[in-house]
């Protein structure tokens, strides 16, 4: 049963990634692109307050450093 491109209201056995994607699509449908622009601006302002002067340096390096994932911390190799 197709929902015309909109997320299904009843999803069985969805992965966390799929559930997040569907939730994001639902939010986009309900609130629109402008909402994502606003929360992006808010996040950027918060990051600049938390790490003053670092945004330019991170930009030169290709973006803010990421926290290590659990596999890196535990020393497990990716398969």
N, C-alpha and C. Protein backbone atom coordinates (compact mmCIF):
# COMPACT_ATOMS: atom_id res chain seq x y z
N UNK A 1 0.84 -1.18 0.00
CA UNK A 1 0.00 0.00 0.00
C UNK A 1 0.88 1.23 0.00
N UNK A 2 0.78 2.07 -1.00
CA UNK A 2 1.58 3.27 -1.12
C UNK A 2 0.92 4.42 -0.37
N UNK A 3 1.76 5.26 0.24
CA UNK A 3 1.23 6.42 0.97
C UNK A 3 1.55 7.71 0.23
N UNK A 4 1.89 7.61 -1.06
CA UNK A 4 2.14 8.81 -1.85
C UNK A 4 3.43 9.52 -1.47
N UNK A 5 4.45 8.76 -1.02
CA UNK A 5 5.71 9.37 -0.67
C UNK A 5 5.80 9.83 0.77
N UNK A 6 4.70 9.77 1.49
CA UNK A 6 4.72 10.17 2.89
C UNK A 6 5.01 8.96 3.75
N UNK A 7 5.64 9.18 4.91
CA UNK A 7 5.94 8.06 5.81
C UNK A 7 4.68 7.36 6.28
N UNK A 8 4.76 6.06 6.41
CA UNK A 8 3.63 5.28 6.89
C UNK A 8 3.41 5.55 8.37
N UNK A 9 2.16 5.57 8.80
CA UNK A 9 1.88 5.82 10.20
C UNK A 9 2.13 4.56 11.03
N UNK A 10 2.24 3.41 10.37
CA UNK A 10 2.47 2.15 11.09
C UNK A 10 3.64 1.42 10.44
N UNK A 11 4.76 1.42 11.12
CA UNK A 11 5.95 0.76 10.59
C UNK A 11 6.32 -0.37 11.54
N UNK A 12 6.41 -1.57 10.99
CA UNK A 12 6.78 -2.72 11.80
C UNK A 12 8.22 -3.09 11.51
N UNK A 13 8.99 -3.41 12.53
CA UNK A 13 10.36 -3.90 12.42
C UNK A 13 11.28 -2.91 11.70
N UNK A 14 11.12 -1.64 11.97
CA UNK A 14 12.00 -0.65 11.37
C UNK A 14 13.29 -0.56 12.16
N UNK A 15 14.39 -0.35 11.46
CA UNK A 15 15.66 -0.12 12.16
C UNK A 15 15.62 1.27 12.77
N UNK A 16 16.54 1.54 13.66
CA UNK A 16 16.62 2.87 14.27
C UNK A 16 16.90 3.91 13.18
N UNK A 17 17.77 3.56 12.24
CA UNK A 17 18.08 4.48 11.15
C UNK A 17 16.83 4.77 10.31
N UNK A 18 16.08 3.74 9.97
CA UNK A 18 14.87 3.92 9.17
C UNK A 18 13.83 4.72 9.93
N UNK A 19 13.67 4.44 11.22
CA UNK A 19 12.71 5.18 12.03
C UNK A 19 13.09 6.66 12.10
N UNK A 20 14.38 6.95 12.22
CA UNK A 20 14.84 8.34 12.24
C UNK A 20 14.59 9.03 10.92
N UNK A 21 14.83 8.31 9.83
CA UNK A 21 14.59 8.89 8.50
C UNK A 21 13.12 9.21 8.31
N UNK A 22 12.26 8.26 8.69
CA UNK A 22 10.82 8.48 8.55
C UNK A 22 10.35 9.62 9.43
N UNK A 23 10.90 9.71 10.64
CA UNK A 23 10.54 10.81 11.53
C UNK A 23 10.96 12.15 10.95
N UNK A 24 12.15 12.19 10.35
CA UNK A 24 12.61 13.42 9.72
C UNK A 24 11.74 13.82 8.54
N UNK A 25 11.33 12.84 7.75
CA UNK A 25 10.44 13.13 6.62
C UNK A 25 9.09 13.65 7.10
N UNK A 26 8.59 13.05 8.18
CA UNK A 26 7.31 13.49 8.73
C UNK A 26 7.42 14.94 9.23
N UNK A 27 8.54 15.24 9.91
CA UNK A 27 8.77 16.60 10.40
C UNK A 27 8.87 17.58 9.24
N UNK A 28 9.57 17.18 8.18
CA UNK A 28 9.68 18.03 7.00
C UNK A 28 8.30 18.28 6.40
N UNK A 29 7.49 17.25 6.32
CA UNK A 29 6.14 17.39 5.78
C UNK A 29 5.29 18.30 6.65
N UNK A 30 5.39 18.14 7.97
CA UNK A 30 4.55 18.92 8.89
C UNK A 30 5.01 20.37 9.06
N UNK A 31 6.32 20.58 9.18
CA UNK A 31 6.82 21.91 9.51
C UNK A 31 7.50 22.63 8.36
N UNK A 32 7.96 21.90 7.38
CA UNK A 32 8.57 22.52 6.21
C UNK A 32 10.08 22.74 6.34
N UNK A 33 10.67 23.11 5.23
CA UNK A 33 12.11 23.30 5.16
C UNK A 33 12.58 24.43 6.05
N UNK A 34 11.77 25.45 6.19
CA UNK A 34 12.15 26.62 7.00
C UNK A 34 12.49 26.21 8.43
N UNK A 35 11.77 25.23 8.97
CA UNK A 35 12.03 24.74 10.33
C UNK A 35 13.46 24.21 10.44
N UNK A 36 13.91 23.44 9.44
CA UNK A 36 15.25 22.88 9.47
C UNK A 36 16.30 23.99 9.35
N UNK A 37 16.01 25.02 8.57
CA UNK A 37 16.92 26.16 8.46
C UNK A 37 17.06 26.84 9.82
N UNK A 38 15.94 27.05 10.50
CA UNK A 38 15.97 27.71 11.81
C UNK A 38 16.72 26.89 12.86
N UNK A 39 16.48 25.58 12.93
CA UNK A 39 17.17 24.79 13.95
C UNK A 39 18.65 24.67 13.61
N UNK A 40 18.99 24.71 12.32
CA UNK A 40 20.40 24.71 11.92
C UNK A 40 21.10 25.98 12.38
N UNK A 41 20.43 27.13 12.22
CA UNK A 41 20.99 28.40 12.67
C UNK A 41 21.16 28.41 14.19
N UNK A 42 20.16 27.89 14.90
CA UNK A 42 20.23 27.83 16.36
C UNK A 42 21.40 26.95 16.80
N UNK A 43 21.58 25.82 16.15
CA UNK A 43 22.69 24.93 16.48
C UNK A 43 24.03 25.58 16.20
N UNK A 44 24.14 26.28 15.09
CA UNK A 44 25.39 26.98 14.74
C UNK A 44 25.71 28.05 15.79
N UNK A 45 24.71 28.81 16.22
CA UNK A 45 24.93 29.83 17.24
C UNK A 45 25.38 29.21 18.55
N UNK A 46 24.76 28.09 18.94
CA UNK A 46 25.13 27.41 20.18
C UNK A 46 26.56 26.89 20.09
N UNK A 47 26.93 26.32 18.95
CA UNK A 47 28.29 25.82 18.76
C UNK A 47 29.30 26.96 18.85
N UNK A 48 28.99 28.10 18.26
CA UNK A 48 29.91 29.24 18.30
C UNK A 48 30.04 29.81 19.71
N UNK A 49 28.96 29.74 20.52
CA UNK A 49 29.05 30.18 21.91
C UNK A 49 29.89 29.21 22.73
N UNK A 50 29.73 27.92 22.48
CA UNK A 50 30.43 26.91 23.25
C UNK A 50 31.92 26.85 22.88
N UNK A 51 32.23 27.05 21.61
CA UNK A 51 33.61 26.99 21.11
C UNK A 51 33.95 28.26 20.34
N UNK A 52 34.10 29.39 21.05
CA UNK A 52 34.35 30.66 20.35
C UNK A 52 35.66 30.62 19.57
N UNK A 53 35.61 31.12 18.35
CA UNK A 53 36.80 31.21 17.51
C UNK A 53 37.22 29.91 16.84
N UNK A 54 36.54 28.82 17.09
CA UNK A 54 36.97 27.54 16.53
C UNK A 54 36.30 27.20 15.20
N UNK A 55 35.19 27.82 14.87
CA UNK A 55 34.45 27.47 13.65
C UNK A 55 35.33 27.65 12.41
N UNK A 56 36.06 28.75 12.33
CA UNK A 56 36.93 28.99 11.18
C UNK A 56 38.04 27.95 11.08
N UNK A 57 38.62 27.61 12.23
CA UNK A 57 39.68 26.60 12.25
C UNK A 57 39.14 25.23 11.82
N UNK A 58 37.99 24.86 12.33
CA UNK A 58 37.40 23.57 11.96
C UNK A 58 37.04 23.55 10.48
N UNK A 59 36.55 24.67 9.96
CA UNK A 59 36.21 24.76 8.54
C UNK A 59 37.42 24.49 7.66
N UNK A 60 38.58 25.01 8.07
CA UNK A 60 39.80 24.79 7.31
C UNK A 60 40.20 23.31 7.32
N UNK A 61 39.84 22.62 8.37
CA UNK A 61 40.19 21.20 8.51
C UNK A 61 39.10 20.26 7.99
N UNK A 62 38.03 20.81 7.48
CA UNK A 62 36.98 19.98 6.91
C UNK A 62 35.81 19.72 7.83
N UNK A 63 35.68 20.47 8.90
CA UNK A 63 34.53 20.31 9.79
C UNK A 63 34.94 20.01 11.22
N UNK A 64 33.99 20.10 12.11
CA UNK A 64 34.23 19.87 13.54
C UNK A 64 34.64 18.41 13.77
N UNK A 65 35.64 18.17 14.61
CA UNK A 65 36.04 16.78 14.89
C UNK A 65 34.88 16.00 15.52
N UNK A 66 34.75 14.77 15.13
CA UNK A 66 33.69 13.90 15.64
C UNK A 66 34.17 13.14 16.86
N UNK A 67 33.23 12.84 17.74
CA UNK A 67 33.55 11.99 18.88
C UNK A 67 33.84 10.59 18.36
N UNK A 68 34.74 9.86 19.00
CA UNK A 68 34.99 8.48 18.53
C UNK A 68 33.77 7.61 18.75
N UNK A 69 33.53 6.68 17.82
CA UNK A 69 32.39 5.79 18.00
C UNK A 69 32.78 4.64 18.92
N UNK A 70 31.82 3.85 19.32
CA UNK A 70 32.04 2.79 20.28
C UNK A 70 33.06 1.76 19.79
N UNK A 71 33.02 1.43 18.50
CA UNK A 71 33.96 0.45 17.95
C UNK A 71 35.40 0.96 18.07
N UNK A 72 35.62 2.26 17.86
CA UNK A 72 36.96 2.83 18.00
C UNK A 72 37.42 2.77 19.46
N UNK A 73 36.52 3.09 20.37
CA UNK A 73 36.85 3.09 21.79
C UNK A 73 37.18 1.68 22.28
N UNK A 74 36.40 0.71 21.82
CA UNK A 74 36.58 -0.68 22.26
C UNK A 74 37.68 -1.40 21.47
N UNK A 75 38.21 -0.75 20.43
CA UNK A 75 39.29 -1.35 19.64
C UNK A 75 38.81 -2.43 18.69
N UNK A 76 37.54 -2.42 18.35
CA UNK A 76 37.00 -3.41 17.43
C UNK A 76 37.22 -2.93 16.00
N UNK A 77 37.58 -3.85 15.15
CA UNK A 77 37.78 -3.54 13.74
C UNK A 77 36.45 -3.54 13.02
N UNK A 78 36.33 -2.64 12.03
CA UNK A 78 35.11 -2.62 11.21
C UNK A 78 35.14 -3.81 10.27
N UNK A 79 33.97 -4.38 10.03
CA UNK A 79 33.87 -5.55 9.13
C UNK A 79 33.34 -5.12 7.80
